[in-house]
């Protein structure tokens, strides 16, 4: 299945590959994640919250490792939320080039 720029594709119950991303400002410069906490929220009921590892703080690169059961079949909105050292929060939930909501397309396992 072809995915749109705002969509990520996975298979339910897979644990690889991890989700890796780069947070950028509107002008394309990386967001400095030094001293920040990065969380992924998937709009399940209840919402799944996964804390990301910060791979490269200066370049805004983060990584979420999956555990068995994290990925459930369906189409789910997701967002990335950053909390800085002052407790201030900023959330990314749209793909910048299309302004469409970030969506995970998780297909059912065949076997």
PDB file of N, CA and C in Angstrom:
ATOM      1  N   UNK A   1       0.844  -1.178   0.000  1.00  0.00           N
ATOM      2  CA  UNK A   1       0.000   0.000   0.000  1.00  0.00           C
ATOM      3  C   UNK A   1       0.890   1.242   0.000  1.00  0.00           C
ATOM      4  N   UNK A   2       0.594   2.159  -0.876  1.00  0.00           N
ATOM      5  CA  UNK A   2       1.340   3.421  -0.930  1.00  0.00           C
ATOM      6  C   UNK A   2       0.885   4.326   0.212  1.00  0.00           C
ATOM      7  N   UNK A   3       1.853   4.933   0.872  1.00  0.00           N
ATOM      8  CA  UNK A   3       1.557   5.818   1.993  1.00  0.00           C
ATOM      9  C   UNK A   3       1.759   7.267   1.573  1.00  0.00           C
ATOM     10  N   UNK A   4       0.989   8.149   2.165  1.00  0.00           N
ATOM     11  CA  UNK A   4       1.132   9.582   1.955  1.00  0.00           C
ATOM     12  C   UNK A   4       2.276  10.108   2.817  1.00  0.00           C
ATOM     13  N   UNK A   5       2.778  11.329   2.559  1.00  0.00           N
ATOM     14  CA  UNK A   5       3.895  11.870   3.339  1.00  0.00           C
ATOM     15  C   UNK A   5       3.611  11.983   4.839  1.00  0.00           C
ATOM     16  N   UNK A   6       2.347  12.079   5.221  1.00  0.00           N
ATOM     17  CA  UNK A   6       1.996  12.212   6.638  1.00  0.00           C
ATOM     18  C   UNK A   6       1.748  10.863   7.316  1.00  0.00           C
ATOM     19  N   UNK A   7       1.954   9.756   6.587  1.00  0.00           N
ATOM     20  CA  UNK A   7       1.643   8.429   7.118  1.00  0.00           C
ATOM     21  C   UNK A   7       2.902   7.580   7.313  1.00  0.00           C
ATOM     22  N   UNK A   8       2.876   6.774   8.375  1.00  0.00           N
ATOM     23  CA  UNK A   8       3.920   5.786   8.644  1.00  0.00           C
ATOM     24  C   UNK A   8       3.268   4.418   8.628  1.00  0.00           C
ATOM     25  N   UNK A   9       3.927   3.428   8.058  1.00  0.00           N
ATOM     26  CA  UNK A   9       3.358   2.096   7.972  1.00  0.00           C
ATOM     27  C   UNK A   9       4.089   1.093   8.854  1.00  0.00           C
ATOM     28  N   UNK A  10       3.326   0.274   9.562  1.00  0.00           N
ATOM     29  CA  UNK A  10       3.849  -0.793  10.410  1.00  0.00           C
ATOM     30  C   UNK A  10       2.917  -1.992  10.312  1.00  0.00           C
ATOM     31  N   UNK A  11       3.354  -3.122  10.867  1.00  0.00           N
ATOM     32  CA  UNK A  11       2.536  -4.319  11.021  1.00  0.00           C
ATOM     33  C   UNK A  11       2.316  -4.520  12.514  1.00  0.00           C
ATOM     34  N   UNK A  12       1.064  -4.845  12.909  1.00  0.00           N
ATOM     35  CA  UNK A  12       0.767  -4.988  14.332  1.00  0.00           C
ATOM     36  C   UNK A  12       1.715  -5.993  14.983  1.00  0.00           C
ATOM     37  N   UNK A  13       2.058  -5.706  16.222  1.00  0.00           N
ATOM     38  CA  UNK A  13       2.918  -6.528  17.077  1.00  0.00           C
ATOM     39  C   UNK A  13       4.377  -6.578  16.651  1.00  0.00           C
ATOM     40  N   UNK A  14       4.766  -5.934  15.542  1.00  0.00           N
ATOM     41  CA  UNK A  14       6.191  -5.863  15.207  1.00  0.00           C
ATOM     42  C   UNK A  14       6.912  -5.007  16.244  1.00  0.00           C
ATOM     43  N   UNK A  15       8.191  -5.257  16.400  1.00  0.00           N
ATOM     44  CA  UNK A  15       9.008  -4.440  17.302  1.00  0.00           C
ATOM     45  C   UNK A  15      10.146  -3.741  16.551  1.00  0.00           C
ATOM     46  N   UNK A  16      10.261  -4.011  15.258  1.00  0.00           N
ATOM     47  CA  UNK A  16      11.259  -3.359  14.410  1.00  0.00           C
ATOM     48  C   UNK A  16      10.579  -2.865  13.144  1.00  0.00           C
ATOM     49  N   UNK A  17      11.017  -1.822  12.523  1.00  0.00           N
ATOM     50  CA  UNK A  17      12.097  -0.955  12.967  1.00  0.00           C
ATOM     51  C   UNK A  17      11.593   0.036  14.024  1.00  0.00           C
ATOM     52  N   UNK A  18      12.522   0.576  14.817  1.00  0.00           N
ATOM     53  CA  UNK A  18      12.114   1.640  15.733  1.00  0.00           C
ATOM     54  C   UNK A  18      11.672   2.866  14.937  1.00  0.00           C
ATOM     55  N   UNK A  19      10.941   3.741  15.587  1.00  0.00           N
ATOM     56  CA  UNK A  19      10.522   5.000  14.965  1.00  0.00           C
ATOM     57  C   UNK A  19      11.567   6.054  15.283  1.00  0.00           C
ATOM     58  N   UNK A  20      12.134   6.635  14.249  1.00  0.00           N
ATOM     59  CA  UNK A  20      13.179   7.646  14.406  1.00  0.00           C
ATOM     60  C   UNK A  20      12.715   8.909  13.705  1.00  0.00           C
ATOM     61  N   UNK A  21      12.917  10.043  14.333  1.00  0.00           N
ATOM     62  CA  UNK A  21      12.486  11.291  13.734  1.00  0.00           C
ATOM     63  C   UNK A  21      13.412  12.445  14.059  1.00  0.00           C
ATOM     64  N   UNK A  22      13.224  13.525  13.329  1.00  0.00           N
ATOM     65  CA  UNK A  22      13.963  14.763  13.550  1.00  0.00           C
ATOM     66  C   UNK A  22      12.957  15.887  13.672  1.00  0.00           C
ATOM     67  N   UNK A  23      13.032  16.622  14.752  1.00  0.00           N
ATOM     68  CA  UNK A  23      12.141  17.771  14.944  1.00  0.00           C
ATOM     69  C   UNK A  23      12.819  19.021  14.404  1.00  0.00           C
ATOM     70  N   UNK A  24      12.060  19.778  13.612  1.00  0.00           N
ATOM     71  CA  UNK A  24      12.609  20.994  13.010  1.00  0.00           C
ATOM     72  C   UNK A  24      11.663  22.172  13.221  1.00  0.00           C
ATOM     73  N   UNK A  25      12.256  23.344  13.156  1.00  0.00           N
ATOM     74  CA  UNK A  25      11.488  24.587  13.173  1.00  0.00           C
ATOM     75  C   UNK A  25      10.845  24.763  11.800  1.00  0.00           C
ATOM     76  N   UNK A  26       9.966  25.753  11.675  1.00  0.00           N
ATOM     77  CA  UNK A  26       9.306  26.021  10.390  1.00  0.00           C
ATOM     78  C   UNK A  26      10.302  26.317   9.274  1.00  0.00           C
ATOM     79  N   UNK A  27      11.460  26.888   9.626  1.00  0.00           N
ATOM     80  CA  UNK A  27      12.463  27.214   8.599  1.00  0.00           C
ATOM     81  C   UNK A  27      13.394  26.038   8.281  1.00  0.00           C
ATOM     82  N   UNK A  28      13.149  24.878   8.921  1.00  0.00           N
ATOM     83  CA  UNK A  28      13.932  23.683   8.634  1.00  0.00           C
ATOM     84  C   UNK A  28      15.115  23.446   9.554  1.00  0.00           C
ATOM     85  N   UNK A  29      15.429  24.406  10.422  1.00  0.00           N
ATOM     86  CA  UNK A  29      16.544  24.185  11.347  1.00  0.00           C
ATOM     87  C   UNK A  29      16.114  23.209  12.443  1.00  0.00           C
ATOM     88  N   UNK A  30      17.049  22.356  12.907  1.00  0.00           N
ATOM     89  CA  UNK A  30      16.693  21.376  13.928  1.00  0.00           C
ATOM     90  C   UNK A  30      16.353  22.035  15.260  1.00  0.00           C
ATOM     91  N   UNK A  31      15.439  21.412  15.983  1.00  0.00           N
ATOM     92  CA  UNK A  31      15.092  21.843  17.336  1.00  0.00           C
ATOM     93  C   UNK A  31      16.136  21.252  18.285  1.00  0.00           C
ATOM     94  N   UNK A  32      16.742  22.083  19.109  1.00  0.00           N
ATOM     95  CA  UNK A  32      17.723  21.603  20.074  1.00  0.00           C
ATOM     96  C   UNK A  32      16.975  20.934  21.231  1.00  0.00           C
ATOM     97  N   UNK A  33      17.206  19.634  21.422  1.00  0.00           N
ATOM     98  CA  UNK A  33      16.512  18.855  22.453  1.00  0.00           C
ATOM     99  C   UNK A  33      17.318  18.697  23.740  1.00  0.00           C
ATOM    100  N   UNK A  34      18.375  19.478  23.886  1.00  0.00           N
ATOM    101  CA  UNK A  34      19.188  19.392  25.100  1.00  0.00           C
ATOM    102  C   UNK A  34      18.320  19.696  26.318  1.00  0.00           C
ATOM    103  N   UNK A  35      18.333  18.780  27.293  1.00  0.00           N
ATOM    104  CA  UNK A  35      17.564  18.959  28.523  1.00  0.00           C
ATOM    105  C   UNK A  35      16.075  18.690  28.382  1.00  0.00           C
ATOM    106  N   UNK A  36      15.651  18.194  27.237  1.00  0.00           N
ATOM    107  CA  UNK A  36      14.221  17.967  26.973  1.00  0.00           C
ATOM    108  C   UNK A  36      13.834  16.497  27.157  1.00  0.00           C
ATOM    109  N   UNK A  37      12.539  16.280  27.322  1.00  0.00           N
ATOM    110  CA  UNK A  37      11.940  14.954  27.286  1.00  0.00           C
ATOM    111  C   UNK A  37      11.056  14.909  26.053  1.00  0.00           C
ATOM    112  N   UNK A  38      11.143  13.815  25.298  1.00  0.00           N
ATOM    113  CA  UNK A  38      10.354  13.654  24.074  1.00  0.00           C
ATOM    114  C   UNK A  38       9.436  12.453  24.269  1.00  0.00           C
ATOM    115  N   UNK A  39       8.134  12.661  24.042  1.00  0.00           N
ATOM    116  CA  UNK A  39       7.155  11.579  24.137  1.00  0.00           C
ATOM    117  C   UNK A  39       6.367  11.460  22.845  1.00  0.00           C
ATOM    118  N   UNK A  40       6.084  10.212  22.478  1.00  0.00           N
ATOM    119  CA  UNK A  40       5.209   9.900  21.366  1.00  0.00           C
ATOM    120  C   UNK A  40       3.858   9.533  21.954  1.00  0.00           C
ATOM    121  N   UNK A  41       2.787  10.108  21.412  1.00  0.00           N
ATOM    122  CA  UNK A  41       1.417   9.771  21.814  1.00  0.00           C
ATOM    123  C   UNK A  41       0.708   9.175  20.610  1.00  0.00           C
ATOM    124  N   UNK A  42       0.179   7.957  20.761  1.00  0.00           N
ATOM    125  CA  UNK A  42      -0.643   7.345  19.715  1.00  0.00           C
ATOM    126  C   UNK A  42      -2.074   7.338  20.227  1.00  0.00           C
ATOM    127  N   UNK A  43      -2.996   7.775  19.381  1.00  0.00           N
ATOM    128  CA  UNK A  43      -4.380   8.005  19.783  1.00  0.00           C
ATOM    129  C   UNK A  43      -5.207   6.728  19.933  1.00  0.00           C
ATOM    130  N   UNK A  44      -4.643   5.732  20.653  1.00  0.00           N
ATOM    131  CA  UNK A  44      -5.448   4.572  21.035  1.00  0.00           C
ATOM    132  C   UNK A  44      -6.375   5.006  22.163  1.00  0.00           C
ATOM    133  N   UNK A  45      -7.237   4.104  22.598  1.00  0.00           N
ATOM    134  CA  UNK A  45      -8.073   4.360  23.773  1.00  0.00           C
ATOM    135  C   UNK A  45      -7.789   3.265  24.789  1.00  0.00           C
ATOM    136  N   UNK A  46      -6.984   3.506  25.809  1.00  0.00           N
ATOM    137  CA  UNK A  46      -6.362   4.779  26.181  1.00  0.00           C
ATOM    138  C   UNK A  46      -5.144   5.090  25.310  1.00  0.00           C
ATOM    139  N   UNK A  47      -4.737   6.352  25.337  1.00  0.00           N
ATOM    140  CA  UNK A  47      -3.595   6.820  24.552  1.00  0.00           C
ATOM    141  C   UNK A  47      -2.332   6.078  24.990  1.00  0.00           C
ATOM    142  N   UNK A  48      -1.551   5.624  24.005  1.00  0.00           N
ATOM    143  CA  UNK A  48      -0.249   5.018  24.289  1.00  0.00           C
ATOM    144  C   UNK A  48       0.774   6.146  24.332  1.00  0.00           C
ATOM    145  N   UNK A  49       1.536   6.206  25.408  1.00  0.00           N
ATOM    146  CA  UNK A  49       2.601   7.198  25.546  1.00  0.00           C
ATOM    147  C   UNK A  49       3.923   6.446  25.638  1.00  0.00           C
ATOM    148  N   UNK A  50       4.827   6.758  24.715  1.00  0.00           N
ATOM    149  CA  UNK A  50       6.150   6.146  24.683  1.00  0.00           C
ATOM    150  C   UNK A  50       7.198   7.246  24.826  1.00  0.00           C
ATOM    151  N   UNK A  51       8.106   7.087  25.776  1.00  0.00           N
ATOM    152  CA  UNK A  51       9.190   8.044  25.926  1.00  0.00           C
ATOM    153  C   UNK A  51      10.293   7.704  24.930  1.00  0.00           C
ATOM    154  N   UNK A  52      10.731   8.707  24.200  1.00  0.00           N
ATOM    155  CA  UNK A  52      11.761   8.527  23.179  1.00  0.00           C
ATOM    156  C   UNK A  52      13.143   8.712  23.788  1.00  0.00           C
ATOM    157  N   UNK A  53      14.108   8.042  23.189  1.00  0.00           N
ATOM    158  CA  UNK A  53      15.513   8.312  23.488  1.00  0.00           C
ATOM    159  C   UNK A  53      15.942   9.470  22.599  1.00  0.00           C
ATOM    160  N   UNK A  54      16.760  10.326  23.140  1.00  0.00           N
ATOM    161  CA  UNK A  54      17.294  11.412  22.322  1.00  0.00           C
ATOM    162  C   UNK A  54      18.629  10.942  21.765  1.00  0.00           C
ATOM    163  N   UNK A  55      18.685  10.799  20.449  1.00  0.00           N
ATOM    164  CA  UNK A  55      19.854  10.262  19.759  1.00  0.00           C
ATOM    165  C   UNK A  55      20.901  11.354  19.560  1.00  0.00           C
ATOM    166  N   UNK A  56      20.463  12.538  19.152  1.00  0.00           N
ATOM    167  CA  UNK A  56      21.351  13.670  18.924  1.00  0.00           C
ATOM    168  C   UNK A  56      20.564  14.927  19.273  1.00  0.00           C
ATOM    169  N   UNK A  57      20.815  15.455  20.475  1.00  0.00           N
ATOM    170  CA  UNK A  57      20.029  16.590  20.980  1.00  0.00           C
ATOM    171  C   UNK A  57      20.180  17.829  20.107  1.00  0.00           C
ATOM    172  N   UNK A  58      21.386  18.155  19.704  1.00  0.00           N
ATOM    173  CA  UNK A  58      21.636  19.368  18.916  1.00  0.00           C
ATOM    174  C   UNK A  58      20.899  19.330  17.583  1.00  0.00           C
ATOM    175  N   UNK A  59      20.839  18.146  16.972  1.00  0.00           N
ATOM    176  CA  UNK A  59      20.201  18.011  15.657  1.00  0.00           C
ATOM    177  C   UNK A  59      18.737  17.591  15.736  1.00  0.00           C
ATOM    178  N   UNK A  60      18.171  17.521  16.967  1.00  0.00           N
ATOM    179  CA  UNK A  60      16.743  17.245  17.131  1.00  0.00           C
ATOM    180  C   UNK A  60      16.324  15.824  16.802  1.00  0.00           C
ATOM    181  N   UNK A  61      17.239  14.849  16.911  1.00  0.00           N
ATOM    182  CA  UNK A  61      16.939  13.472  16.512  1.00  0.00           C
ATOM    183  C   UNK A  61      16.545  12.630  17.725  1.00  0.00           C
ATOM    184  N   UNK A  62      15.442  11.913  17.587  1.00  0.00           N
ATOM    185  CA  UNK A  62      14.906  11.069  18.670  1.00  0.00           C
ATOM    186  C   UNK A  62      14.560   9.693  18.113  1.00  0.00           C
ATOM    187  N   UNK A  63      14.348   8.722  19.036  1.00  0.00           N
ATOM    188  CA  UNK A  63      14.087   7.345  18.652  1.00  0.00           C
ATOM    189  C   UNK A  63      13.142   6.693  19.651  1.00  0.00           C
ATOM    190  N   UNK A  64      12.120   5.997  19.139  1.00  0.00           N
ATOM    191  CA  UNK A  64      11.207   5.227  19.980  1.00  0.00           C
ATOM    192  C   UNK A  64      11.386   3.748  19.657  1.00  0.00           C
ATOM    193  N   UNK A  65      11.678   2.956  20.679  1.00  0.00           N
ATOM    194  CA  UNK A  65      11.787   1.503  20.553  1.00  0.00           C
ATOM    195  C   UNK A  65      10.414   0.905  20.852  1.00  0.00           C
ATOM    196  N   UNK A  66       9.979  -0.052  20.022  1.00  0.00           N
ATOM    197  CA  UNK A  66       8.679  -0.698  20.214  1.00  0.00           C
ATOM    198  C   UNK A  66       8.806  -1.928  21.094  1.00  0.00           C
ATOM    199  N   UNK A  67       7.769  -2.179  21.880  1.00  0.00           N
ATOM    200  CA  UNK A  67       7.642  -3.415  22.641  1.00  0.00           C
ATOM    201  C   UNK A  67       6.484  -4.201  22.050  1.00  0.00           C
ATOM    202  N   UNK A  68       6.492  -5.523  22.245  1.00  0.00           N
ATOM    203  CA  UNK A  68       5.394  -6.351  21.763  1.00  0.00           C
ATOM    204  C   UNK A  68       4.078  -5.803  22.300  1.00  0.00           C
ATOM    205  N   UNK A  69       3.108  -5.631  21.413  1.00  0.00           N
ATOM    206  CA  UNK A  69       1.800  -5.115  21.813  1.00  0.00           C
ATOM    207  C   UNK A  69       1.638  -3.612  21.656  1.00  0.00           C
ATOM    208  N   UNK A  70       2.728  -2.894  21.401  1.00  0.00           N
ATOM    209  CA  UNK A  70       2.623  -1.435  21.222  1.00  0.00           C
ATOM    210  C   UNK A  70       1.849  -1.071  19.957  1.00  0.00           C
ATOM    211  N   UNK A  71       2.039  -1.833  18.895  1.00  0.00           N
ATOM    212  CA  UNK A  71       1.450  -1.493  17.600  1.00  0.00           C
ATOM    213  C   UNK A  71       0.174  -2.291  17.382  1.00  0.00           C
ATOM    214  N   UNK A  72      -0.959  -1.581  17.333  1.00  0.00           N
ATOM    215  CA  UNK A  72      -2.286  -2.187  17.172  1.00  0.00           C
ATOM    216  C   UNK A  72      -2.842  -1.833  15.803  1.00  0.00           C
ATOM    217  N   UNK A  73      -3.435  -2.832  15.124  1.00  0.00           N
ATOM    218  CA  UNK A  73      -3.952  -2.628  13.770  1.00  0.00           C
ATOM    219  C   UNK A  73      -4.974  -1.489  13.729  1.00  0.00           C
ATOM    220  N   UNK A  74      -4.874  -0.666  12.681  1.00  0.00           N
ATOM    221  CA  UNK A  74      -5.806   0.439  12.470  1.00  0.00           C
ATOM    222  C   UNK A  74      -5.081   1.661  11.934  1.00  0.00           C
ATOM    223  N   UNK A  75      -5.826   2.746  11.796  1.00  0.00           N
ATOM    224  CA  UNK A  75      -5.271   4.048  11.393  1.00  0.00           C
ATOM    225  C   UNK A  75      -5.362   4.943  12.618  1.00  0.00           C
ATOM    226  N   UNK A  76      -4.225   5.417  13.062  1.00  0.00           N
ATOM    227  CA  UNK A  76      -4.170   6.164  14.316  1.00  0.00           C
ATOM    228  C   UNK A  76      -3.425   7.479  14.125  1.00  0.00           C
ATOM    229  N   UNK A  77      -4.003   8.565  14.642  1.00  0.00           N
ATOM    230  CA  UNK A  77      -3.270   9.823  14.700  1.00  0.00           C
ATOM    231  C   UNK A  77      -2.198   9.688  15.778  1.00  0.00           C
ATOM    232  N   UNK A  78      -1.078  10.387  15.564  1.00  0.00           N
ATOM    233  CA  UNK A  78      -0.046  10.427  16.594  1.00  0.00           C
ATOM    234  C   UNK A  78       0.576  11.808  16.623  1.00  0.00           C
ATOM    235  N   UNK A  79       1.277  12.086  17.714  1.00  0.00           N
ATOM    236  CA  UNK A  79       1.953  13.371  17.864  1.00  0.00           C
ATOM    237  C   UNK A  79       3.239  13.167  18.656  1.00  0.00           C
ATOM    238  N   UNK A  80       4.144  14.117  18.510  1.00  0.00           N
ATOM    239  CA  UNK A  80       5.386  14.133  19.263  1.00  0.00           C
ATOM    240  C   UNK A  80       5.323  15.348  20.184  1.00  0.00           C
ATOM    241  N   UNK A  81       5.536  15.105  21.480  1.00  0.00           N
ATOM    242  CA  UNK A  81       5.451  16.193  22.454  1.00  0.00           C
ATOM    243  C   UNK A  81       6.794  16.341  23.164  1.00  0.00           C
ATOM    244  N   UNK A  82       7.288  17.570  23.195  1.00  0.00           N
ATOM    245  CA  UNK A  82       8.570  17.870  23.828  1.00  0.00           C
ATOM    246  C   UNK A  82       8.317  18.747  25.054  1.00  0.00           C
ATOM    247  N   UNK A  83       8.913  18.329  26.162  1.00  0.00           N
ATOM    248  CA  UNK A  83       8.871  19.125  27.389  1.00  0.00           C
ATOM    249  C   UNK A  83      10.290  19.584  27.673  1.00  0.00           C
ATOM    250  N   UNK A  84      10.490  20.909  27.783  1.00  0.00           N
ATOM    251  CA  UNK A  84      11.844  21.410  28.028  1.00  0.00           C
ATOM    252  C   UNK A  84      12.142  21.421  29.524  1.00  0.00           C
ATOM    253  N   UNK A  85      13.348  21.831  29.868  1.00  0.00           N
ATOM    254  CA  UNK A  85      13.792  21.794  31.273  1.00  0.00           C
ATOM    255  C   UNK A  85      13.003  22.737  32.171  1.00  0.00           C
ATOM    256  N   UNK A  86      12.276  23.706  31.600  1.00  0.00           N
ATOM    257  CA  UNK A  86      11.417  24.609  32.380  1.00  0.00           C
ATOM    258  C   UNK A  86      10.008  24.059  32.554  1.00  0.00           C
ATOM    259  N   UNK A  87       9.714  22.917  31.919  1.00  0.00           N
ATOM    260  CA  UNK A  87       8.369  22.347  31.977  1.00  0.00           C
ATOM    261  C   UNK A  87       7.458  22.853  30.869  1.00  0.00           C
ATOM    262  N   UNK A  88       7.989  23.659  29.961  1.00  0.00           N
ATOM    263  CA  UNK A  88       7.191  24.145  28.835  1.00  0.00           C
ATOM    264  C   UNK A  88       7.020  23.031  27.810  1.00  0.00           C
ATOM    265  N   UNK A  89       5.843  22.972  27.176  1.00  0.00           N
ATOM    266  CA  UNK A  89       5.492  21.879  26.269  1.00  0.00           C
ATOM    267  C   UNK A  89       5.241  22.425  24.867  1.00  0.00           C
ATOM    268  N   UNK A  90       5.732  21.669  23.880  1.00  0.00           N
ATOM    269  CA  UNK A  90       5.476  21.976  22.473  1.00  0.00           C
ATOM    270  C   UNK A  90       5.151  20.661  21.772  1.00  0.00           C
ATOM    271  N   UNK A  91       4.126  20.682  20.911  1.00  0.00           N
ATOM    272  CA  UNK A  91       3.641  19.467  20.278  1.00  0.00           C
ATOM    273  C   UNK A  91       3.672  19.602  18.761  1.00  0.00           C
ATOM    274  N   UNK A  92       4.142  18.524  18.096  1.00  0.00           N
ATOM    275  CA  UNK A  92       4.111  18.400  16.642  1.00  0.00           C
ATOM    276  C   UNK A  92       3.088  17.329  16.307  1.00  0.00           C
ATOM    277  N   UNK A  93       2.082  17.670  15.483  1.00  0.00           N
ATOM    278  CA  UNK A  93       1.079  16.682  15.104  1.00  0.00           C
ATOM    279  C   UNK A  93       0.695  16.728  13.636  1.00  0.00           C
ATOM    280  N   UNK A  94       1.330  17.611  12.873  1.00  0.00           N
ATOM    281  CA  UNK A  94       1.048  17.688  11.437  1.00  0.00           C
ATOM    282  C   UNK A  94       2.341  17.582  10.650  1.00  0.00           C
ATOM    283  N   UNK A  95       2.242  17.000   9.460  1.00  0.00           N
ATOM    284  CA  UNK A  95       3.375  16.904   8.553  1.00  0.00           C
ATOM    285  C   UNK A  95       3.531  18.269   7.892  1.00  0.00           C
ATOM    286  N   UNK A  96       4.716  18.899   8.020  1.00  0.00           N
ATOM    287  CA  UNK A  96       4.862  20.282   7.562  1.00  0.00           C
ATOM    288  C   UNK A  96       4.559  20.539   6.086  1.00  0.00           C
ATOM    289  N   UNK A  97       4.969  19.651   5.194  1.00  0.00           N
ATOM    290  CA  UNK A  97       4.792  19.948   3.770  1.00  0.00           C
ATOM    291  C   UNK A  97       3.344  19.809   3.310  1.00  0.00           C
ATOM    292  N   UNK A  98       2.539  19.020   4.031  1.00  0.00           N
ATOM    293  CA  UNK A  98       1.143  18.822   3.617  1.00  0.00           C
ATOM    294  C   UNK A  98       0.135  19.431   4.591  1.00  0.00           C
ATOM    295  N   UNK A  99       0.594  19.750   5.811  1.00  0.00           N
ATOM    296  CA  UNK A  99      -0.263  20.259   6.887  1.00  0.00           C
ATOM    297  C   UNK A  99      -1.373  19.258   7.238  1.00  0.00           C
ATOM    298  N   UNK A 100      -1.107  17.964   7.017  1.00  0.00           N
ATOM    299  CA  UNK A 100      -2.058  16.911   7.378  1.00  0.00           C
ATOM    300  C   UNK A 100      -1.597  16.241   8.664  1.00  0.00           C
ATOM    301  N   UNK A 101      -2.556  15.733   9.437  1.00  0.00           N
ATOM    302  CA  UNK A 101      -2.230  15.079  10.690  1.00  0.00           C
ATOM    303  C   UNK A 101      -1.351  13.854  10.471  1.00  0.00           C
ATOM    304  N   UNK A 102      -0.369  13.677  11.356  1.00  0.00           N
ATOM    305  CA  UNK A 102       0.493  12.506  11.324  1.00  0.00           C
ATOM    306  C   UNK A 102      -0.343  11.273  11.639  1.00  0.00           C
ATOM    307  N   UNK A 103      -0.198  10.239  10.844  1.00  0.00           N
ATOM    308  CA  UNK A 103      -1.033   9.049  10.972  1.00  0.00           C
ATOM    309  C   UNK A 103      -0.166   7.798  10.886  1.00  0.00           C
ATOM    310  N   UNK A 104      -0.434   6.846  11.775  1.00  0.00           N
ATOM    311  CA  UNK A 104       0.169   5.519  11.670  1.00  0.00           C
ATOM    312  C   UNK A 104      -0.843   4.595  11.030  1.00  0.00           C
ATOM    313  N   UNK A 105      -0.409   3.890   9.998  1.00  0.00           N
ATOM    314  CA  UNK A 105      -1.231   2.897   9.328  1.00  0.00           C
ATOM    315  C   UNK A 105      -0.643   1.545   9.727  1.00  0.00           C
ATOM    316  N   UNK A 106      -1.326   0.861  10.628  1.00  0.00           N
ATOM    317  CA  UNK A 106      -0.808  -0.390  11.166  1.00  0.00           C
ATOM    318  C   UNK A 106      -1.689  -1.525  10.652  1.00  0.00           C
ATOM    319  N   UNK A 107      -1.090  -2.374   9.831  1.00  0.00           N
ATOM    320  CA  UNK A 107      -1.833  -3.478   9.217  1.00  0.00           C
ATOM    321  C   UNK A 107      -1.828  -4.707  10.108  1.00  0.00           C
ATOM    322  N   UNK A 108      -2.846  -5.536   9.950  1.00  0.00           N
ATOM    323  CA  UNK A 108      -2.935  -6.786  10.708  1.00  0.00           C
ATOM    324  C   UNK A 108      -1.883  -7.772  10.232  1.00  0.00           C
ATOM    325  N   UNK A 109      -1.422  -8.613  11.158  1.00  0.00           N
ATOM    326  CA  UNK A 109      -0.530  -9.708  10.803  1.00  0.00           C
ATOM    327  C   UNK A 109      -1.300 -10.717   9.945  1.00  0.00           C
ATOM    328  N   UNK A 110      -0.612 -11.375   9.038  1.00  0.00           N
ATOM    329  CA  UNK A 110      -1.244 -12.423   8.230  1.00  0.00           C
ATOM    330  C   UNK A 110      -1.234 -13.742   8.985  1.00  0.00           C
ATOM    331  N   UNK A 111      -0.148 -14.026   9.675  1.00  0.00           N
ATOM    332  CA  UNK A 111      -0.061 -15.300  10.398  1.00  0.00           C
ATOM    333  C   UNK A 111       0.246 -15.064  11.853  1.00  0.00           C
TER     334      UNK A 111
END
